[in-house]
Amino acid sequence: MAVLTADNSDVLIRLKVVPGSSRDALAGVLGDRLKVKVAAAPEAGKANAAVCELLARALGLKPRDVTIESGQTSPEKTARARGVLIETAASKLSIR
């Protein structure tokens, strides 16, 4: 399965999230997922919000344009980035 999938004018991004890291960072591809490290704790949706903000910054989107589609309570998640082409997302997230 691919890290990125086009869904109409959106892109679905398969993630492996590591909360409680020393800093927020995109850590590259791990298998079929993009590894994302966030400093926020996995409580009350804080880590999910941090993931959305980090992805939005990397993609040049507003935070409201990135949402967690599935895996809200799991380290393996799928995020939706609205209004971005898959080629653009692959380039900005350094996914080949």
N, C-alpha and C. Protein backbone atom coordinates (compact mmCIF):
# COMPACT_ATOMS: atom_id res chain seq x y z
N MET A 1 0.84 -1.19 0.00
CA MET A 1 0.00 0.00 0.00
C MET A 1 0.89 1.26 0.00
N ALA A 2 0.43 2.28 -0.66
CA ALA A 2 1.21 3.51 -0.82
C ALA A 2 1.06 4.44 0.38
N VAL A 3 2.08 5.24 0.61
CA VAL A 3 2.05 6.25 1.67
C VAL A 3 0.99 7.30 1.34
N LEU A 4 0.95 7.72 0.07
CA LEU A 4 0.00 8.74 -0.38
C LEU A 4 -1.00 8.14 -1.35
N THR A 5 -2.26 8.56 -1.21
CA THR A 5 -3.32 8.13 -2.11
C THR A 5 -4.15 9.33 -2.48
N ALA A 6 -4.41 9.52 -3.78
CA ALA A 6 -5.27 10.61 -4.23
C ALA A 6 -6.72 10.24 -3.95
N ASP A 7 -7.50 11.20 -3.48
CA ASP A 7 -8.93 11.01 -3.23
C ASP A 7 -9.63 12.28 -3.69
N ASN A 8 -10.05 12.30 -4.96
CA ASN A 8 -10.60 13.50 -5.60
C ASN A 8 -9.56 14.62 -5.53
N SER A 9 -9.88 15.74 -4.91
CA SER A 9 -8.91 16.85 -4.82
C SER A 9 -8.15 16.82 -3.51
N ASP A 10 -8.21 15.71 -2.79
CA ASP A 10 -7.51 15.55 -1.52
C ASP A 10 -6.44 14.47 -1.64
N VAL A 11 -5.58 14.42 -0.63
CA VAL A 11 -4.57 13.36 -0.53
C VAL A 11 -4.71 12.71 0.83
N LEU A 12 -4.74 11.39 0.84
CA LEU A 12 -4.73 10.63 2.09
C LEU A 12 -3.28 10.23 2.36
N ILE A 13 -2.85 10.44 3.61
CA ILE A 13 -1.47 10.19 4.00
C ILE A 13 -1.46 9.16 5.13
N ARG A 14 -0.84 8.02 4.87
CA ARG A 14 -0.72 6.99 5.91
C ARG A 14 0.45 7.35 6.82
N LEU A 15 0.19 7.35 8.13
CA LEU A 15 1.17 7.84 9.10
C LEU A 15 1.50 6.81 10.16
N LYS A 16 2.71 6.91 10.69
CA LYS A 16 3.13 6.24 11.92
C LYS A 16 3.56 7.38 12.84
N VAL A 17 2.78 7.64 13.88
CA VAL A 17 3.00 8.79 14.76
C VAL A 17 3.71 8.37 16.04
N VAL A 18 4.74 9.13 16.40
CA VAL A 18 5.48 8.91 17.64
C VAL A 18 5.27 10.15 18.52
N PRO A 19 4.32 10.09 19.47
CA PRO A 19 4.09 11.24 20.36
C PRO A 19 5.13 11.29 21.46
N GLY A 20 5.25 12.45 22.11
CA GLY A 20 6.17 12.60 23.22
C GLY A 20 7.63 12.68 22.80
N SER A 21 7.89 13.01 21.54
CA SER A 21 9.27 13.15 21.05
C SER A 21 9.87 14.45 21.54
N SER A 22 11.17 14.60 21.34
CA SER A 22 11.83 15.82 21.79
C SER A 22 11.43 17.03 20.95
N ARG A 23 11.04 16.80 19.68
CA ARG A 23 10.61 17.90 18.82
C ARG A 23 9.69 17.37 17.74
N ASP A 24 8.97 18.27 17.08
CA ASP A 24 8.11 17.90 15.96
C ASP A 24 8.96 17.75 14.71
N ALA A 25 8.76 16.64 13.99
CA ALA A 25 9.55 16.42 12.78
C ALA A 25 8.93 15.35 11.89
N LEU A 26 9.12 15.52 10.59
CA LEU A 26 8.81 14.46 9.64
C LEU A 26 10.07 13.61 9.56
N ALA A 27 9.95 12.33 9.90
CA ALA A 27 11.12 11.47 10.03
C ALA A 27 11.33 10.53 8.85
N GLY A 28 10.63 10.77 7.75
CA GLY A 28 10.83 9.95 6.56
C GLY A 28 9.87 8.78 6.48
N VAL A 29 10.03 8.00 5.43
CA VAL A 29 9.13 6.88 5.17
C VAL A 29 9.60 5.67 5.96
N LEU A 30 8.64 5.01 6.60
CA LEU A 30 8.89 3.78 7.35
C LEU A 30 7.92 2.74 6.80
N GLY A 31 8.42 1.86 5.95
CA GLY A 31 7.55 0.88 5.30
C GLY A 31 6.57 1.59 4.37
N ASP A 32 5.27 1.45 4.65
CA ASP A 32 4.25 2.08 3.81
C ASP A 32 3.61 3.28 4.51
N ARG A 33 4.35 3.89 5.45
CA ARG A 33 3.82 5.03 6.19
C ARG A 33 4.88 6.13 6.31
N LEU A 34 4.41 7.35 6.50
CA LEU A 34 5.29 8.48 6.80
C LEU A 34 5.40 8.56 8.32
N LYS A 35 6.63 8.50 8.81
CA LYS A 35 6.85 8.58 10.25
C LYS A 35 6.87 10.05 10.66
N VAL A 36 6.04 10.37 11.66
CA VAL A 36 5.91 11.74 12.15
C VAL A 36 6.14 11.73 13.65
N LYS A 37 7.07 12.57 14.10
CA LYS A 37 7.35 12.71 15.54
C LYS A 37 6.76 14.03 16.02
N VAL A 38 6.04 13.98 17.13
CA VAL A 38 5.49 15.21 17.72
C VAL A 38 5.81 15.24 19.21
N ALA A 39 6.05 16.44 19.72
CA ALA A 39 6.37 16.61 21.14
C ALA A 39 5.13 16.44 22.02
N ALA A 40 3.96 16.69 21.46
CA ALA A 40 2.72 16.64 22.24
C ALA A 40 2.46 15.22 22.77
N ALA A 41 1.83 15.18 23.94
CA ALA A 41 1.47 13.91 24.56
C ALA A 41 0.22 13.34 23.88
N PRO A 42 0.08 12.01 23.90
CA PRO A 42 -1.10 11.40 23.29
C PRO A 42 -2.32 11.43 24.22
N GLU A 43 -2.74 12.63 24.56
CA GLU A 43 -3.89 12.77 25.46
C GLU A 43 -4.79 13.89 24.97
N ALA A 44 -6.07 13.67 25.06
CA ALA A 44 -7.09 14.67 24.70
C ALA A 44 -6.90 15.23 23.29
N GLY A 45 -6.38 14.41 22.37
CA GLY A 45 -6.23 14.84 20.99
C GLY A 45 -5.07 15.78 20.72
N LYS A 46 -4.21 16.01 21.72
CA LYS A 46 -3.10 16.95 21.53
C LYS A 46 -2.12 16.49 20.46
N ALA A 47 -1.77 15.21 20.47
CA ALA A 47 -0.83 14.70 19.47
C ALA A 47 -1.44 14.76 18.07
N ASN A 48 -2.72 14.43 17.95
CA ASN A 48 -3.38 14.51 16.64
C ASN A 48 -3.38 15.93 16.11
N ALA A 49 -3.66 16.90 16.97
CA ALA A 49 -3.65 18.30 16.55
C ALA A 49 -2.25 18.72 16.11
N ALA A 50 -1.23 18.27 16.84
CA ALA A 50 0.15 18.60 16.49
C ALA A 50 0.53 17.99 15.14
N VAL A 51 0.07 16.77 14.87
CA VAL A 51 0.33 16.12 13.59
C VAL A 51 -0.30 16.93 12.45
N CYS A 52 -1.54 17.33 12.64
CA CYS A 52 -2.24 18.12 11.61
C CYS A 52 -1.52 19.44 11.34
N GLU A 53 -1.08 20.11 12.40
CA GLU A 53 -0.37 21.38 12.25
C GLU A 53 0.96 21.19 11.52
N LEU A 54 1.70 20.13 11.88
CA LEU A 54 2.99 19.86 11.25
C LEU A 54 2.81 19.55 9.76
N LEU A 55 1.84 18.70 9.43
CA LEU A 55 1.59 18.37 8.03
C LEU A 55 1.13 19.59 7.24
N ALA A 56 0.26 20.40 7.85
CA ALA A 56 -0.22 21.61 7.18
C ALA A 56 0.94 22.55 6.85
N ARG A 57 1.83 22.75 7.82
CA ARG A 57 3.01 23.60 7.59
C ARG A 57 3.86 23.06 6.45
N ALA A 58 4.11 21.76 6.47
CA ALA A 58 4.95 21.14 5.45
C ALA A 58 4.32 21.23 4.06
N LEU A 59 2.99 21.16 4.01
CA LEU A 59 2.30 21.18 2.72
C LEU A 59 1.88 22.58 2.28
N GLY A 60 2.09 23.58 3.13
CA GLY A 60 1.69 24.94 2.79
C GLY A 60 0.19 25.14 2.86
N LEU A 61 -0.46 24.41 3.76
CA LEU A 61 -1.91 24.50 3.94
C LEU A 61 -2.25 25.14 5.28
N LYS A 62 -3.51 25.48 5.46
CA LYS A 62 -3.99 25.93 6.76
C LYS A 62 -4.25 24.70 7.62
N PRO A 63 -4.05 24.78 8.94
CA PRO A 63 -4.26 23.62 9.80
C PRO A 63 -5.65 22.99 9.66
N ARG A 64 -6.65 23.79 9.37
CA ARG A 64 -8.01 23.24 9.23
C ARG A 64 -8.15 22.36 7.99
N ASP A 65 -7.18 22.45 7.05
CA ASP A 65 -7.24 21.66 5.82
C ASP A 65 -6.62 20.28 5.98
N VAL A 66 -6.11 19.96 7.16
CA VAL A 66 -5.55 18.64 7.43
C VAL A 66 -6.30 18.04 8.62
N THR A 67 -6.85 16.86 8.42
CA THR A 67 -7.60 16.18 9.49
C THR A 67 -7.15 14.73 9.60
N ILE A 68 -7.39 14.16 10.77
CA ILE A 68 -7.13 12.73 10.97
C ILE A 68 -8.40 11.98 10.56
N GLU A 69 -8.29 11.14 9.55
CA GLU A 69 -9.43 10.39 9.02
C GLU A 69 -9.69 9.12 9.82
N SER A 70 -8.62 8.42 10.19
CA SER A 70 -8.77 7.17 10.93
C SER A 70 -7.58 6.96 11.84
N GLY A 71 -7.78 6.17 12.89
CA GLY A 71 -6.70 5.88 13.82
C GLY A 71 -6.50 6.93 14.89
N GLN A 72 -7.58 7.61 15.28
CA GLN A 72 -7.46 8.69 16.26
C GLN A 72 -6.73 8.27 17.53
N THR A 73 -6.91 7.04 17.98
CA THR A 73 -6.27 6.60 19.22
C THR A 73 -5.13 5.60 18.98
N SER A 74 -4.72 5.47 17.74
CA SER A 74 -3.67 4.52 17.38
C SER A 74 -2.44 5.27 16.86
N PRO A 75 -1.25 4.70 16.98
CA PRO A 75 -0.09 5.34 16.38
C PRO A 75 -0.12 5.27 14.84
N GLU A 76 -0.86 4.33 14.29
CA GLU A 76 -1.01 4.23 12.84
C GLU A 76 -2.29 4.95 12.45
N LYS A 77 -2.13 6.04 11.70
CA LYS A 77 -3.25 6.91 11.36
C LYS A 77 -3.28 7.16 9.86
N THR A 78 -4.41 7.71 9.42
CA THR A 78 -4.52 8.22 8.06
C THR A 78 -5.01 9.65 8.17
N ALA A 79 -4.27 10.55 7.54
CA ALA A 79 -4.63 11.97 7.54
C ALA A 79 -5.14 12.35 6.14
N ARG A 80 -6.03 13.32 6.10
CA ARG A 80 -6.54 13.86 4.84
C ARG A 80 -6.05 15.29 4.70
N ALA A 81 -5.40 15.57 3.58
CA ALA A 81 -4.97 16.94 3.25
C ALA A 81 -5.87 17.42 2.12
N ARG A 82 -6.63 18.47 2.38
CA ARG A 82 -7.60 18.96 1.40
C ARG A 82 -6.96 19.95 0.42
N GLY A 83 -7.31 19.77 -0.86
CA GLY A 83 -6.93 20.75 -1.87
C GLY A 83 -5.46 20.73 -2.26
N VAL A 84 -4.84 19.57 -2.22
CA VAL A 84 -3.43 19.46 -2.63
C VAL A 84 -3.29 18.28 -3.59
N LEU A 85 -2.46 18.45 -4.61
CA LEU A 85 -2.22 17.38 -5.57
C LEU A 85 -1.25 16.36 -4.96
N ILE A 86 -1.41 15.11 -5.35
CA ILE A 86 -0.56 14.05 -4.81
C ILE A 86 0.91 14.29 -5.16
N GLU A 87 1.18 14.82 -6.36
CA GLU A 87 2.56 15.10 -6.76
C GLU A 87 3.17 16.19 -5.88
N THR A 88 2.38 17.20 -5.57
CA THR A 88 2.85 18.29 -4.70
C THR A 88 3.11 17.77 -3.30
N ALA A 89 2.19 16.95 -2.78
CA ALA A 89 2.36 16.39 -1.44
C ALA A 89 3.61 15.51 -1.38
N ALA A 90 3.82 14.69 -2.40
CA ALA A 90 4.99 13.82 -2.42
C ALA A 90 6.27 14.64 -2.40
N SER A 91 6.30 15.70 -3.17
CA SER A 91 7.49 16.57 -3.23
C SER A 91 7.73 17.27 -1.89
N LYS A 92 6.71 17.87 -1.33
CA LYS A 92 6.87 18.64 -0.10
C LYS A 92 7.15 17.76 1.12
N LEU A 93 6.66 16.52 1.09
CA LEU A 93 6.89 15.60 2.21
C LEU A 93 8.09 14.69 1.95
N SER A 94 8.80 14.92 0.85
CA SER A 94 9.98 14.12 0.47
C SER A 94 9.68 12.63 0.39
N ILE A 95 8.57 12.31 -0.30
CA ILE A 95 8.19 10.91 -0.50
C ILE A 95 8.40 10.60 -1.97
N ARG A 96 9.14 9.54 -2.26
CA ARG A 96 9.41 9.15 -3.64
C ARG A 96 8.52 8.03 -4.06
